[in-house]
Amino acid sequence: MAALTIGVDPHKGSHTAVAIGPAEEPLCELRVRASVAQAEWLVTWAAAWPQRTWAVQGAGGLGHLLAQQLIAAGERVLDVEPKLGARVRLLASGATNKNDPNDALSVAIAALHSTARREVRPDNHAAVLKVWSKRHRDLGRARNQVACRLHAVLCELVPGGAHPTPCLQAGPLTMAGQKVFPGKSRKSRGLISP
């Protein structure tokens, strides 16, 4: 293990890092905004300690991007599961005093002593393609959900339901040969109010 361990508690908006020595004493603390330069700021801050290991909570989840950026910068990164950090925090004080610096400190202590930690490896092309594939699938599902919601609203506006193949034209909405004028029915007035 390196002479210094830096625990990181990642969040969507910011990341909190706490550096500890071999005796678990906190040395320094830093909070950075989540941005393109987040890893650069953290590495610059930690430059005073050349022998260091980063411990990122949830490096396979919310901390994935930060962990990959640190690896790309040539750093050694360990993945600490959130459950492990919570156990350390609870056993250290007997209370669940949960805040970002305490979480980062717990992550660093867990990485220092636990055998359950896992060293993070750089993503290969298959992992990147998996992310793109998931994004494509999510976009398709979102489009389908919007189309279904629109169809449900149109079914409420047209007596007898909507035709399976609606024909949208300029002006009034035509469905199954019937014209629907927004604002004319009680239901549509509630949906289309200024």
N, C-alpha and C. Protein backbone atom coordinates (compact mmCIF):
# COMPACT_ATOMS: atom_id res chain seq x y z
N MET A 1 0.84 -1.18 0.00
CA MET A 1 0.00 0.00 0.00
C MET A 1 0.88 1.24 0.00
N ALA A 2 0.43 2.28 -0.64
CA ALA A 2 1.20 3.52 -0.71
C ALA A 2 1.23 4.20 0.65
N ALA A 3 2.12 5.15 0.82
CA ALA A 3 2.27 5.86 2.09
C ALA A 3 1.07 6.73 2.39
N LEU A 4 0.30 7.11 1.39
CA LEU A 4 -0.84 8.00 1.58
C LEU A 4 -2.04 7.46 0.83
N THR A 5 -3.20 7.53 1.45
CA THR A 5 -4.44 7.11 0.80
C THR A 5 -5.38 8.31 0.75
N ILE A 6 -5.96 8.53 -0.40
CA ILE A 6 -6.91 9.63 -0.59
C ILE A 6 -8.28 9.03 -0.87
N GLY A 7 -9.20 9.25 0.06
CA GLY A 7 -10.57 8.78 -0.12
C GLY A 7 -11.40 9.83 -0.80
N VAL A 8 -12.23 9.41 -1.76
CA VAL A 8 -13.07 10.35 -2.51
C VAL A 8 -14.52 9.91 -2.40
N ASP A 9 -15.37 10.88 -2.00
CA ASP A 9 -16.81 10.67 -1.96
C ASP A 9 -17.41 11.42 -3.16
N PRO A 10 -17.73 10.71 -4.25
CA PRO A 10 -18.22 11.39 -5.46
C PRO A 10 -19.72 11.66 -5.41
N HIS A 11 -20.11 12.78 -5.99
CA HIS A 11 -21.51 13.15 -6.15
C HIS A 11 -21.70 13.74 -7.54
N LYS A 12 -22.93 14.00 -7.92
CA LYS A 12 -23.19 14.56 -9.25
C LYS A 12 -22.63 15.97 -9.38
N GLY A 13 -22.71 16.77 -8.32
CA GLY A 13 -22.29 18.17 -8.40
C GLY A 13 -20.89 18.45 -7.90
N SER A 14 -20.38 17.60 -6.99
CA SER A 14 -19.05 17.86 -6.42
C SER A 14 -18.45 16.56 -5.90
N HIS A 15 -17.15 16.59 -5.65
CA HIS A 15 -16.43 15.46 -5.09
C HIS A 15 -15.62 15.95 -3.90
N THR A 16 -15.66 15.19 -2.81
CA THR A 16 -14.89 15.54 -1.62
C THR A 16 -13.79 14.53 -1.44
N ALA A 17 -12.56 15.01 -1.28
CA ALA A 17 -11.40 14.14 -1.11
C ALA A 17 -10.75 14.43 0.25
N VAL A 18 -10.35 13.36 0.94
CA VAL A 18 -9.66 13.48 2.22
C VAL A 18 -8.42 12.60 2.14
N ALA A 19 -7.26 13.18 2.44
CA ALA A 19 -5.99 12.44 2.44
C ALA A 19 -5.69 11.99 3.87
N ILE A 20 -5.32 10.70 4.02
CA ILE A 20 -4.94 10.18 5.34
C ILE A 20 -3.58 9.50 5.25
N GLY A 21 -2.89 9.50 6.37
CA GLY A 21 -1.59 8.82 6.45
C GLY A 21 -1.77 7.38 6.86
N PRO A 22 -0.65 6.65 7.04
CA PRO A 22 -0.73 5.23 7.40
C PRO A 22 -1.40 4.97 8.75
N ALA A 23 -1.39 5.95 9.65
CA ALA A 23 -2.00 5.79 10.97
C ALA A 23 -3.44 6.30 10.98
N GLU A 24 -4.04 6.48 9.83
CA GLU A 24 -5.43 6.92 9.65
C GLU A 24 -5.68 8.36 10.08
N GLU A 25 -4.62 9.15 10.24
CA GLU A 25 -4.81 10.54 10.63
C GLU A 25 -5.13 11.38 9.39
N PRO A 26 -6.21 12.18 9.44
CA PRO A 26 -6.53 13.04 8.30
C PRO A 26 -5.46 14.12 8.13
N LEU A 27 -4.97 14.27 6.91
CA LEU A 27 -3.92 15.25 6.62
C LEU A 27 -4.48 16.50 5.95
N CYS A 28 -5.37 16.31 5.01
CA CYS A 28 -5.87 17.44 4.24
C CYS A 28 -7.21 17.05 3.61
N GLU A 29 -7.99 18.06 3.24
CA GLU A 29 -9.31 17.84 2.67
C GLU A 29 -9.54 18.83 1.54
N LEU A 30 -10.23 18.38 0.50
CA LEU A 30 -10.52 19.25 -0.64
C LEU A 30 -11.88 18.87 -1.22
N ARG A 31 -12.62 19.88 -1.65
CA ARG A 31 -13.89 19.66 -2.35
C ARG A 31 -13.79 20.36 -3.70
N VAL A 32 -14.07 19.60 -4.77
CA VAL A 32 -14.02 20.17 -6.12
C VAL A 32 -15.37 19.99 -6.79
N ARG A 33 -15.69 20.92 -7.69
CA ARG A 33 -16.91 20.80 -8.48
C ARG A 33 -16.74 19.72 -9.53
N ALA A 34 -17.79 18.99 -9.80
CA ALA A 34 -17.76 18.00 -10.87
C ALA A 34 -17.73 18.74 -12.19
N SER A 35 -16.66 18.57 -12.93
CA SER A 35 -16.50 19.26 -14.21
C SER A 35 -15.48 18.51 -15.06
N VAL A 36 -15.18 19.07 -16.19
CA VAL A 36 -14.20 18.45 -17.09
C VAL A 36 -12.82 18.41 -16.44
N ALA A 37 -12.50 19.42 -15.64
CA ALA A 37 -11.16 19.53 -15.04
C ALA A 37 -11.07 18.93 -13.64
N GLN A 38 -12.06 18.13 -13.21
CA GLN A 38 -12.09 17.62 -11.84
C GLN A 38 -10.87 16.78 -11.50
N ALA A 39 -10.47 15.88 -12.37
CA ALA A 39 -9.31 15.03 -12.09
C ALA A 39 -8.02 15.85 -12.07
N GLU A 40 -7.93 16.82 -12.96
CA GLU A 40 -6.75 17.68 -13.00
C GLU A 40 -6.58 18.45 -11.69
N TRP A 41 -7.68 18.98 -11.16
CA TRP A 41 -7.62 19.70 -9.88
C TRP A 41 -7.20 18.78 -8.75
N LEU A 42 -7.75 17.58 -8.72
CA LEU A 42 -7.41 16.64 -7.65
C LEU A 42 -5.95 16.20 -7.72
N VAL A 43 -5.46 15.92 -8.92
CA VAL A 43 -4.07 15.49 -9.07
C VAL A 43 -3.12 16.63 -8.71
N THR A 44 -3.46 17.86 -9.09
CA THR A 44 -2.64 19.02 -8.73
C THR A 44 -2.59 19.19 -7.21
N TRP A 45 -3.72 19.03 -6.56
CA TRP A 45 -3.80 19.13 -5.10
C TRP A 45 -2.96 18.05 -4.42
N ALA A 46 -2.97 16.85 -4.97
CA ALA A 46 -2.26 15.72 -4.36
C ALA A 46 -0.80 15.62 -4.79
N ALA A 47 -0.32 16.55 -5.58
CA ALA A 47 1.06 16.48 -6.08
C ALA A 47 2.10 16.53 -4.96
N ALA A 48 1.73 17.05 -3.81
CA ALA A 48 2.67 17.12 -2.68
C ALA A 48 3.00 15.74 -2.13
N TRP A 49 2.17 14.75 -2.42
CA TRP A 49 2.39 13.38 -1.94
C TRP A 49 2.61 12.47 -3.15
N PRO A 50 3.87 12.22 -3.51
CA PRO A 50 4.12 11.42 -4.72
C PRO A 50 3.68 9.96 -4.59
N GLN A 51 3.76 9.38 -3.39
CA GLN A 51 3.31 8.00 -3.22
C GLN A 51 1.90 8.02 -2.65
N ARG A 52 0.93 7.90 -3.55
CA ARG A 52 -0.46 8.00 -3.13
C ARG A 52 -1.31 6.97 -3.86
N THR A 53 -2.39 6.60 -3.21
CA THR A 53 -3.39 5.72 -3.80
C THR A 53 -4.75 6.38 -3.60
N TRP A 54 -5.53 6.40 -4.66
CA TRP A 54 -6.87 6.98 -4.60
C TRP A 54 -7.87 5.88 -4.31
N ALA A 55 -8.80 6.14 -3.42
CA ALA A 55 -9.89 5.22 -3.12
C ALA A 55 -11.19 5.94 -3.44
N VAL A 56 -11.88 5.50 -4.48
CA VAL A 56 -13.11 6.16 -4.94
C VAL A 56 -14.29 5.28 -4.55
N GLN A 57 -15.23 5.88 -3.85
CA GLN A 57 -16.44 5.16 -3.45
C GLN A 57 -17.32 4.96 -4.67
N GLY A 58 -17.68 3.72 -4.94
CA GLY A 58 -18.56 3.42 -6.07
C GLY A 58 -17.94 3.72 -7.41
N ALA A 59 -16.71 3.25 -7.63
CA ALA A 59 -16.02 3.53 -8.90
C ALA A 59 -16.68 2.83 -10.09
N GLY A 60 -17.60 1.93 -9.83
CA GLY A 60 -18.35 1.31 -10.92
C GLY A 60 -19.68 1.99 -11.16
N GLY A 61 -20.01 2.99 -10.33
CA GLY A 61 -21.29 3.68 -10.46
C GLY A 61 -21.10 5.17 -10.63
N LEU A 62 -21.47 5.93 -9.60
CA LEU A 62 -21.41 7.39 -9.66
C LEU A 62 -19.98 7.90 -9.79
N GLY A 63 -19.03 7.18 -9.23
CA GLY A 63 -17.63 7.60 -9.30
C GLY A 63 -16.87 7.06 -10.50
N HIS A 64 -17.58 6.46 -11.45
CA HIS A 64 -16.92 5.81 -12.60
C HIS A 64 -16.09 6.79 -13.43
N LEU A 65 -16.69 7.91 -13.80
CA LEU A 65 -15.97 8.86 -14.65
C LEU A 65 -14.73 9.39 -13.95
N LEU A 66 -14.86 9.78 -12.69
CA LEU A 66 -13.71 10.29 -11.95
C LEU A 66 -12.61 9.24 -11.84
N ALA A 67 -12.98 8.00 -11.55
CA ALA A 67 -11.99 6.94 -11.44
C ALA A 67 -11.26 6.73 -12.77
N GLN A 68 -11.99 6.76 -13.87
CA GLN A 68 -11.36 6.58 -15.18
C GLN A 68 -10.46 7.76 -15.54
N GLN A 69 -10.86 8.97 -15.14
CA GLN A 69 -10.02 10.14 -15.40
C GLN A 69 -8.72 10.07 -14.58
N LEU A 70 -8.81 9.61 -13.34
CA LEU A 70 -7.61 9.48 -12.51
C LEU A 70 -6.67 8.42 -13.07
N ILE A 71 -7.23 7.32 -13.56
CA ILE A 71 -6.39 6.27 -14.18
C ILE A 71 -5.71 6.82 -15.43
N ALA A 72 -6.44 7.59 -16.23
CA ALA A 72 -5.86 8.18 -17.44
C ALA A 72 -4.73 9.15 -17.10
N ALA A 73 -4.78 9.74 -15.88
CA ALA A 73 -3.71 10.65 -15.44
C ALA A 73 -2.53 9.89 -14.83
N GLY A 74 -2.61 8.55 -14.84
CA GLY A 74 -1.50 7.74 -14.34
C GLY A 74 -1.55 7.44 -12.85
N GLU A 75 -2.71 7.58 -12.24
CA GLU A 75 -2.86 7.34 -10.81
C GLU A 75 -3.32 5.91 -10.54
N ARG A 76 -3.04 5.43 -9.32
CA ARG A 76 -3.53 4.12 -8.88
C ARG A 76 -4.85 4.37 -8.16
N VAL A 77 -5.91 3.66 -8.58
CA VAL A 77 -7.25 3.90 -8.05
C VAL A 77 -7.84 2.58 -7.56
N LEU A 78 -8.42 2.61 -6.34
CA LEU A 78 -9.11 1.47 -5.78
C LEU A 78 -10.60 1.77 -5.70
N ASP A 79 -11.41 0.73 -5.90
CA ASP A 79 -12.86 0.86 -5.80
C ASP A 79 -13.29 0.38 -4.42
N VAL A 80 -13.98 1.24 -3.69
CA VAL A 80 -14.50 0.88 -2.37
C VAL A 80 -16.02 0.95 -2.44
N GLU A 81 -16.67 -0.15 -2.11
CA GLU A 81 -18.13 -0.17 -2.16
C GLU A 81 -18.70 0.74 -1.09
N PRO A 82 -19.81 1.42 -1.39
CA PRO A 82 -20.42 2.33 -0.41
C PRO A 82 -20.77 1.64 0.91
N LYS A 83 -21.18 0.38 0.84
CA LYS A 83 -21.55 -0.36 2.04
C LYS A 83 -20.35 -0.50 2.98
N LEU A 84 -19.17 -0.70 2.42
CA LEU A 84 -17.96 -0.85 3.22
C LEU A 84 -17.60 0.46 3.92
N GLY A 85 -17.70 1.57 3.20
CA GLY A 85 -17.44 2.88 3.80
C GLY A 85 -18.43 3.20 4.91
N ALA A 86 -19.69 2.80 4.73
CA ALA A 86 -20.71 3.05 5.76
C ALA A 86 -20.41 2.24 7.02
N ARG A 87 -19.94 1.02 6.85
CA ARG A 87 -19.59 0.20 8.02
C ARG A 87 -18.43 0.81 8.80
N VAL A 88 -17.43 1.29 8.09
CA VAL A 88 -16.28 1.92 8.75
C VAL A 88 -16.75 3.15 9.52
N ARG A 89 -17.61 3.97 8.91
CA ARG A 89 -18.10 5.18 9.56
C ARG A 89 -18.88 4.84 10.82
N LEU A 90 -19.72 3.81 10.75
CA LEU A 90 -20.53 3.42 11.89
C LEU A 90 -19.68 2.85 13.02
N LEU A 91 -18.70 2.02 12.69
CA LEU A 91 -17.86 1.40 13.72
C LEU A 91 -16.86 2.38 14.33
N ALA A 92 -16.49 3.40 13.59
CA ALA A 92 -15.50 4.35 14.09
C ALA A 92 -16.05 5.20 15.22
N SER A 93 -17.30 5.62 15.12
CA SER A 93 -17.82 6.54 16.13
C SER A 93 -19.05 6.01 16.84
N GLY A 94 -19.66 4.98 16.31
CA GLY A 94 -20.90 4.49 16.89
C GLY A 94 -22.11 5.28 16.42
N ALA A 95 -21.89 6.33 15.68
CA ALA A 95 -22.99 7.15 15.16
C ALA A 95 -22.89 7.17 13.64
N THR A 96 -23.94 7.62 13.00
CA THR A 96 -23.93 7.70 11.54
C THR A 96 -23.82 9.15 11.11
N ASN A 97 -22.86 9.87 11.64
CA ASN A 97 -22.65 11.28 11.29
C ASN A 97 -22.25 11.35 9.82
N LYS A 98 -23.25 11.44 8.97
CA LYS A 98 -23.01 11.32 7.53
C LYS A 98 -22.89 12.71 6.90
N ASN A 99 -21.69 13.03 6.45
CA ASN A 99 -21.45 14.20 5.62
C ASN A 99 -20.32 13.84 4.67
N ASP A 100 -20.08 14.68 3.68
CA ASP A 100 -19.11 14.34 2.64
C ASP A 100 -17.69 14.11 3.17
N PRO A 101 -17.15 14.98 4.02
CA PRO A 101 -15.80 14.71 4.52
C PRO A 101 -15.70 13.42 5.33
N ASN A 102 -16.73 13.13 6.15
CA ASN A 102 -16.71 11.88 6.91
C ASN A 102 -16.82 10.67 5.98
N ASP A 103 -17.63 10.78 4.94
CA ASP A 103 -17.74 9.69 3.97
C ASP A 103 -16.40 9.45 3.27
N ALA A 104 -15.74 10.52 2.84
CA ALA A 104 -14.44 10.38 2.17
C ALA A 104 -13.40 9.78 3.11
N LEU A 105 -13.41 10.20 4.38
CA LEU A 105 -12.49 9.64 5.36
C LEU A 105 -12.76 8.16 5.56
N SER A 106 -14.02 7.77 5.65
CA SER A 106 -14.39 6.35 5.80
C SER A 106 -13.94 5.53 4.61
N VAL A 107 -14.07 6.09 3.43
CA VAL A 107 -13.64 5.39 2.21
C VAL A 107 -12.13 5.17 2.23
N ALA A 108 -11.38 6.19 2.64
CA ALA A 108 -9.92 6.06 2.71
C ALA A 108 -9.51 5.01 3.73
N ILE A 109 -10.15 5.00 4.90
CA ILE A 109 -9.82 4.01 5.93
C ILE A 109 -10.18 2.61 5.46
N ALA A 110 -11.33 2.47 4.80
CA ALA A 110 -11.74 1.16 4.28
C ALA A 110 -10.73 0.65 3.24
N ALA A 111 -10.25 1.53 2.40
CA ALA A 111 -9.27 1.13 1.38
C ALA A 111 -7.94 0.76 2.01
N LEU A 112 -7.62 1.39 3.11
CA LEU A 112 -6.34 1.15 3.78
C LEU A 112 -6.31 -0.24 4.41
N HIS A 113 -7.44 -0.71 4.93
CA HIS A 113 -7.45 -1.95 5.71
C HIS A 113 -8.22 -3.11 5.09
N SER A 114 -9.11 -2.86 4.18
CA SER A 114 -9.98 -3.91 3.68
C SER A 114 -9.31 -4.78 2.62
N THR A 115 -9.70 -6.04 2.62
CA THR A 115 -9.26 -6.94 1.55
C THR A 115 -10.30 -6.99 0.43
N ALA A 116 -11.46 -6.36 0.65
CA ALA A 116 -12.54 -6.38 -0.34
C ALA A 116 -12.39 -5.29 -1.40
N ARG A 117 -11.36 -4.47 -1.27
CA ARG A 117 -11.18 -3.42 -2.27
C ARG A 117 -10.74 -4.02 -3.60
N ARG A 118 -11.01 -3.31 -4.66
CA ARG A 118 -10.69 -3.80 -6.00
C ARG A 118 -9.97 -2.69 -6.75
N GLU A 119 -8.88 -3.05 -7.41
CA GLU A 119 -8.17 -2.04 -8.20
C GLU A 119 -8.92 -1.78 -9.50
N VAL A 120 -9.11 -0.52 -9.81
CA VAL A 120 -9.87 -0.12 -10.99
C VAL A 120 -8.96 -0.21 -12.21
N ARG A 121 -9.47 -0.77 -13.27
CA ARG A 121 -8.74 -0.89 -14.53
C ARG A 121 -9.36 0.06 -15.56
N PRO A 122 -8.57 0.49 -16.53
CA PRO A 122 -9.15 1.37 -17.57
C PRO A 122 -10.20 0.62 -18.39
N ASP A 123 -11.22 1.35 -18.80
CA ASP A 123 -12.27 0.76 -19.63
C ASP A 123 -11.71 0.38 -20.99
N ASN A 124 -12.17 -0.75 -21.50
CA ASN A 124 -11.79 -1.12 -22.86
C ASN A 124 -12.90 -0.70 -23.81
N HIS A 125 -12.75 -0.99 -25.07
CA HIS A 125 -13.73 -0.56 -26.07
C HIS A 125 -15.09 -1.19 -25.85
N ALA A 126 -15.12 -2.42 -25.35
CA ALA A 126 -16.40 -3.08 -25.11
C ALA A 126 -17.22 -2.32 -24.06
N ALA A 127 -16.55 -1.82 -23.02
CA ALA A 127 -17.27 -1.07 -21.98
C ALA A 127 -17.81 0.24 -22.53
N VAL A 128 -17.05 0.90 -23.38
CA VAL A 128 -17.51 2.16 -23.98
C VAL A 128 -18.70 1.90 -24.90
N LEU A 129 -18.62 0.84 -25.70
CA LEU A 129 -19.74 0.49 -26.58
C LEU A 129 -20.98 0.11 -25.77
N LYS A 130 -20.79 -0.50 -24.62
CA LYS A 130 -21.90 -0.86 -23.75
C LYS A 130 -22.62 0.40 -23.26
N VAL A 131 -21.86 1.44 -22.91
CA VAL A 131 -22.46 2.70 -22.47
C VAL A 131 -23.26 3.33 -23.61
N TRP A 132 -22.69 3.35 -24.81
CA TRP A 132 -23.40 3.92 -25.96
C TRP A 132 -24.65 3.11 -26.29
N SER A 133 -24.56 1.79 -26.18
CA SER A 133 -25.71 0.94 -26.47
C SER A 133 -26.84 1.20 -25.46
N LYS A 134 -26.47 1.33 -24.20
CA LYS A 134 -27.48 1.62 -23.17
C LYS A 134 -28.13 2.97 -23.42
N ARG A 135 -27.35 3.96 -23.80
CA ARG A 135 -27.89 5.29 -24.10
C ARG A 135 -28.86 5.23 -25.28
N HIS A 136 -28.51 4.47 -26.31
CA HIS A 136 -29.38 4.32 -27.48
C HIS A 136 -30.70 3.66 -27.07
N ARG A 137 -30.60 2.61 -26.26
CA ARG A 137 -31.80 1.91 -25.80
C ARG A 137 -32.68 2.83 -24.94
N ASP A 138 -32.06 3.61 -24.06
CA ASP A 138 -32.81 4.53 -23.20
C ASP A 138 -33.53 5.60 -24.02
N LEU A 139 -32.86 6.12 -25.07
CA LEU A 139 -33.50 7.11 -25.93
C LEU A 139 -34.70 6.51 -26.66
N GLY A 140 -34.56 5.28 -27.13
CA GLY A 140 -35.67 4.61 -27.80
C GLY A 140 -36.85 4.41 -26.87
N ARG A 141 -36.57 4.03 -25.63
CA ARG A 141 -37.64 3.83 -24.65
C ARG A 141 -38.32 5.16 -24.31
N ALA A 142 -37.53 6.22 -24.20
CA ALA A 142 -38.11 7.53 -23.89
C ALA A 142 -39.02 8.00 -25.02
N ARG A 143 -38.59 7.77 -26.26
CA ARG A 143 -39.42 8.15 -27.42
C ARG A 143 -40.72 7.37 -27.41
N ASN A 144 -40.64 6.08 -27.14
CA ASN A 144 -41.83 5.24 -27.10
C ASN A 144 -42.78 5.70 -25.98
N GLN A 145 -42.23 6.07 -24.83
CA GLN A 145 -43.04 6.53 -23.71
C GLN A 145 -43.79 7.82 -24.07
N VAL A 146 -43.11 8.75 -24.72
CA VAL A 146 -43.74 10.00 -25.12
C VAL A 146 -44.85 9.74 -26.14
N ALA A 147 -44.59 8.85 -27.08
CA ALA A 147 -45.61 8.54 -28.09
C ALA A 147 -46.83 7.90 -27.44
N CYS A 148 -46.63 7.04 -26.46
CA CYS A 148 -47.76 6.40 -25.76
C CYS A 148 -48.57 7.42 -24.96
N ARG A 149 -47.86 8.35 -24.32
CA ARG A 149 -48.58 9.39 -23.56
C ARG A 149 -49.39 10.29 -24.48
N LEU A 150 -48.80 10.66 -25.62
CA LEU A 150 -49.52 11.48 -26.59
C LEU A 150 -50.75 10.73 -27.10
N HIS A 151 -50.60 9.45 -27.36
CA HIS A 151 -51.72 8.65 -27.84
C HIS A 151 -52.82 8.60 -26.79
N ALA A 152 -52.47 8.48 -25.52
CA ALA A 152 -53.47 8.44 -24.45
C ALA A 152 -54.24 9.75 -24.37
N VAL A 153 -53.55 10.88 -24.52
CA VAL A 153 -54.22 12.19 -24.50
C VAL A 153 -55.15 12.32 -25.70
N LEU A 154 -54.68 11.89 -26.86
CA LEU A 154 -55.51 11.98 -28.06
C LEU A 154 -56.74 11.09 -27.95
N CYS A 155 -56.60 9.95 -27.28
CA CYS A 155 -57.76 9.06 -27.09
C CYS A 155 -58.83 9.73 -26.23
N GLU A 156 -58.41 10.59 -25.29
CA GLU A 156 -59.38 11.30 -24.46
C GLU A 156 -60.07 12.42 -25.24
N LEU A 157 -59.41 12.96 -26.26
CA LEU A 157 -59.97 14.08 -27.01
C LEU A 157 -60.87 13.64 -28.15
N VAL A 158 -60.69 12.44 -28.67
CA VAL A 158 -61.45 11.97 -29.83
C VAL A 158 -62.47 10.94 -29.36
N PRO A 159 -63.75 11.17 -29.65
CA PRO A 159 -64.76 10.17 -29.27
C PRO A 159 -64.50 8.85 -29.98
N GLY A 160 -64.55 7.76 -29.24
CA GLY A 160 -64.32 6.45 -29.82
C GLY A 160 -62.87 6.05 -29.90
N GLY A 161 -61.99 6.90 -29.45
CA GLY A 161 -60.57 6.55 -29.44
C GLY A 161 -59.86 6.99 -30.69
N ALA A 162 -58.56 6.88 -30.67
CA ALA A 162 -57.73 7.32 -31.79
C ALA A 162 -57.57 6.18 -32.79
N HIS A 163 -57.46 6.55 -34.02
CA HIS A 163 -57.21 5.59 -35.09
C HIS A 163 -55.77 5.11 -34.98
N PRO A 164 -55.48 3.86 -35.33
CA PRO A 164 -54.11 3.35 -35.18
C PRO A 164 -53.07 4.12 -35.99
N THR A 165 -53.47 4.72 -37.11
CA THR A 165 -52.53 5.50 -37.91
C THR A 165 -53.03 6.93 -38.01
N PRO A 166 -52.69 7.79 -37.04
CA PRO A 166 -53.19 9.16 -37.08
C PRO A 166 -52.54 9.95 -38.20
N CYS A 167 -53.28 10.91 -38.71
CA CYS A 167 -52.79 11.79 -39.76
C CYS A 167 -52.79 13.20 -39.22
N LEU A 168 -51.64 13.73 -38.91
CA LEU A 168 -51.53 15.08 -38.38
C LEU A 168 -51.41 16.05 -39.54
N GLN A 169 -52.27 17.07 -39.57
CA GLN A 169 -52.25 18.06 -40.63
C GLN A 169 -52.11 19.43 -40.00
N ALA A 170 -51.83 20.42 -40.84
CA ALA A 170 -51.79 21.78 -40.35
C ALA A 170 -53.21 22.20 -40.00
N GLY A 171 -53.35 23.01 -38.98
CA GLY A 171 -54.67 23.45 -38.55
C GLY A 171 -55.23 22.49 -37.53
N PRO A 172 -56.54 22.19 -37.63
CA PRO A 172 -57.13 21.29 -36.64
C PRO A 172 -56.57 19.88 -36.79
N LEU A 173 -56.50 19.17 -35.70
CA LEU A 173 -55.98 17.81 -35.68
C LEU A 173 -57.04 16.87 -36.24
N THR A 174 -56.67 16.09 -37.25
CA THR A 174 -57.61 15.16 -37.86
C THR A 174 -57.22 13.75 -37.48
N MET A 175 -58.16 13.03 -36.88
CA MET A 175 -57.92 11.63 -36.53
C MET A 175 -59.15 10.83 -36.92
N ALA A 176 -58.95 9.82 -37.67
CA ALA A 176 -60.03 8.91 -38.10
C ALA A 176 -61.19 9.69 -38.71
N GLY A 177 -60.87 10.73 -39.46
CA GLY A 177 -61.89 11.49 -40.15
C GLY A 177 -62.61 12.51 -39.28
N GLN A 178 -62.24 12.63 -37.99
CA GLN A 178 -62.91 13.58 -37.10
C GLN A 178 -61.94 14.70 -36.78
N LYS A 179 -62.46 15.91 -36.72
CA LYS A 179 -61.63 17.05 -36.39
C LYS A 179 -61.69 17.32 -34.89
N VAL A 180 -60.53 17.62 -34.34
CA VAL A 180 -60.44 17.95 -32.92
C VAL A 180 -59.92 19.36 -32.83
N PHE A 181 -60.69 20.24 -32.23
CA PHE A 181 -60.27 21.62 -32.07
C PHE A 181 -59.85 21.83 -30.61
N PRO A 182 -58.56 22.06 -30.36
CA PRO A 182 -58.13 22.29 -28.99
C PRO A 182 -58.88 23.46 -28.37
N GLY A 183 -59.30 23.30 -27.13
CA GLY A 183 -60.01 24.35 -26.42
C GLY A 183 -61.51 24.21 -26.52
N LYS A 184 -62.04 23.29 -27.35
CA LYS A 184 -63.48 23.16 -27.54
C LYS A 184 -64.11 22.21 -26.51
N SER A 185 -63.38 21.21 -26.04
CA SER A 185 -63.96 20.27 -25.08
C SER A 185 -63.48 20.59 -23.67
N ARG A 186 -64.18 20.09 -22.69
CA ARG A 186 -63.84 20.34 -21.30
C ARG A 186 -62.45 19.76 -20.98
N LYS A 187 -62.16 18.56 -21.45
CA LYS A 187 -60.87 17.92 -21.17
C LYS A 187 -59.71 18.67 -21.83
N SER A 188 -59.91 19.08 -23.07
CA SER A 188 -58.79 19.75 -23.77
C SER A 188 -58.53 21.14 -23.21
N ARG A 189 -59.56 21.83 -22.63
CA ARG A 189 -59.33 23.13 -22.04
C ARG A 189 -58.36 23.02 -20.86
N GLY A 190 -58.46 21.94 -20.09
CA GLY A 190 -57.54 21.75 -18.97
C GLY A 190 -56.12 21.45 -19.41
N LEU A 191 -55.97 20.83 -20.57
CA LEU A 191 -54.65 20.46 -21.08
C LEU A 191 -53.97 21.60 -21.80
N ILE A 192 -54.76 22.42 -22.51
CA ILE A 192 -54.18 23.48 -23.34
C ILE A 192 -54.61 24.82 -22.79
N SER A 193 -54.16 25.16 -21.62
CA SER A 193 -54.47 26.47 -21.07
C SER A 193 -53.24 27.34 -21.14
N PRO A 194 -53.39 28.64 -21.37
CA PRO A 194 -52.23 29.53 -21.54
C PRO A 194 -51.45 29.71 -20.25
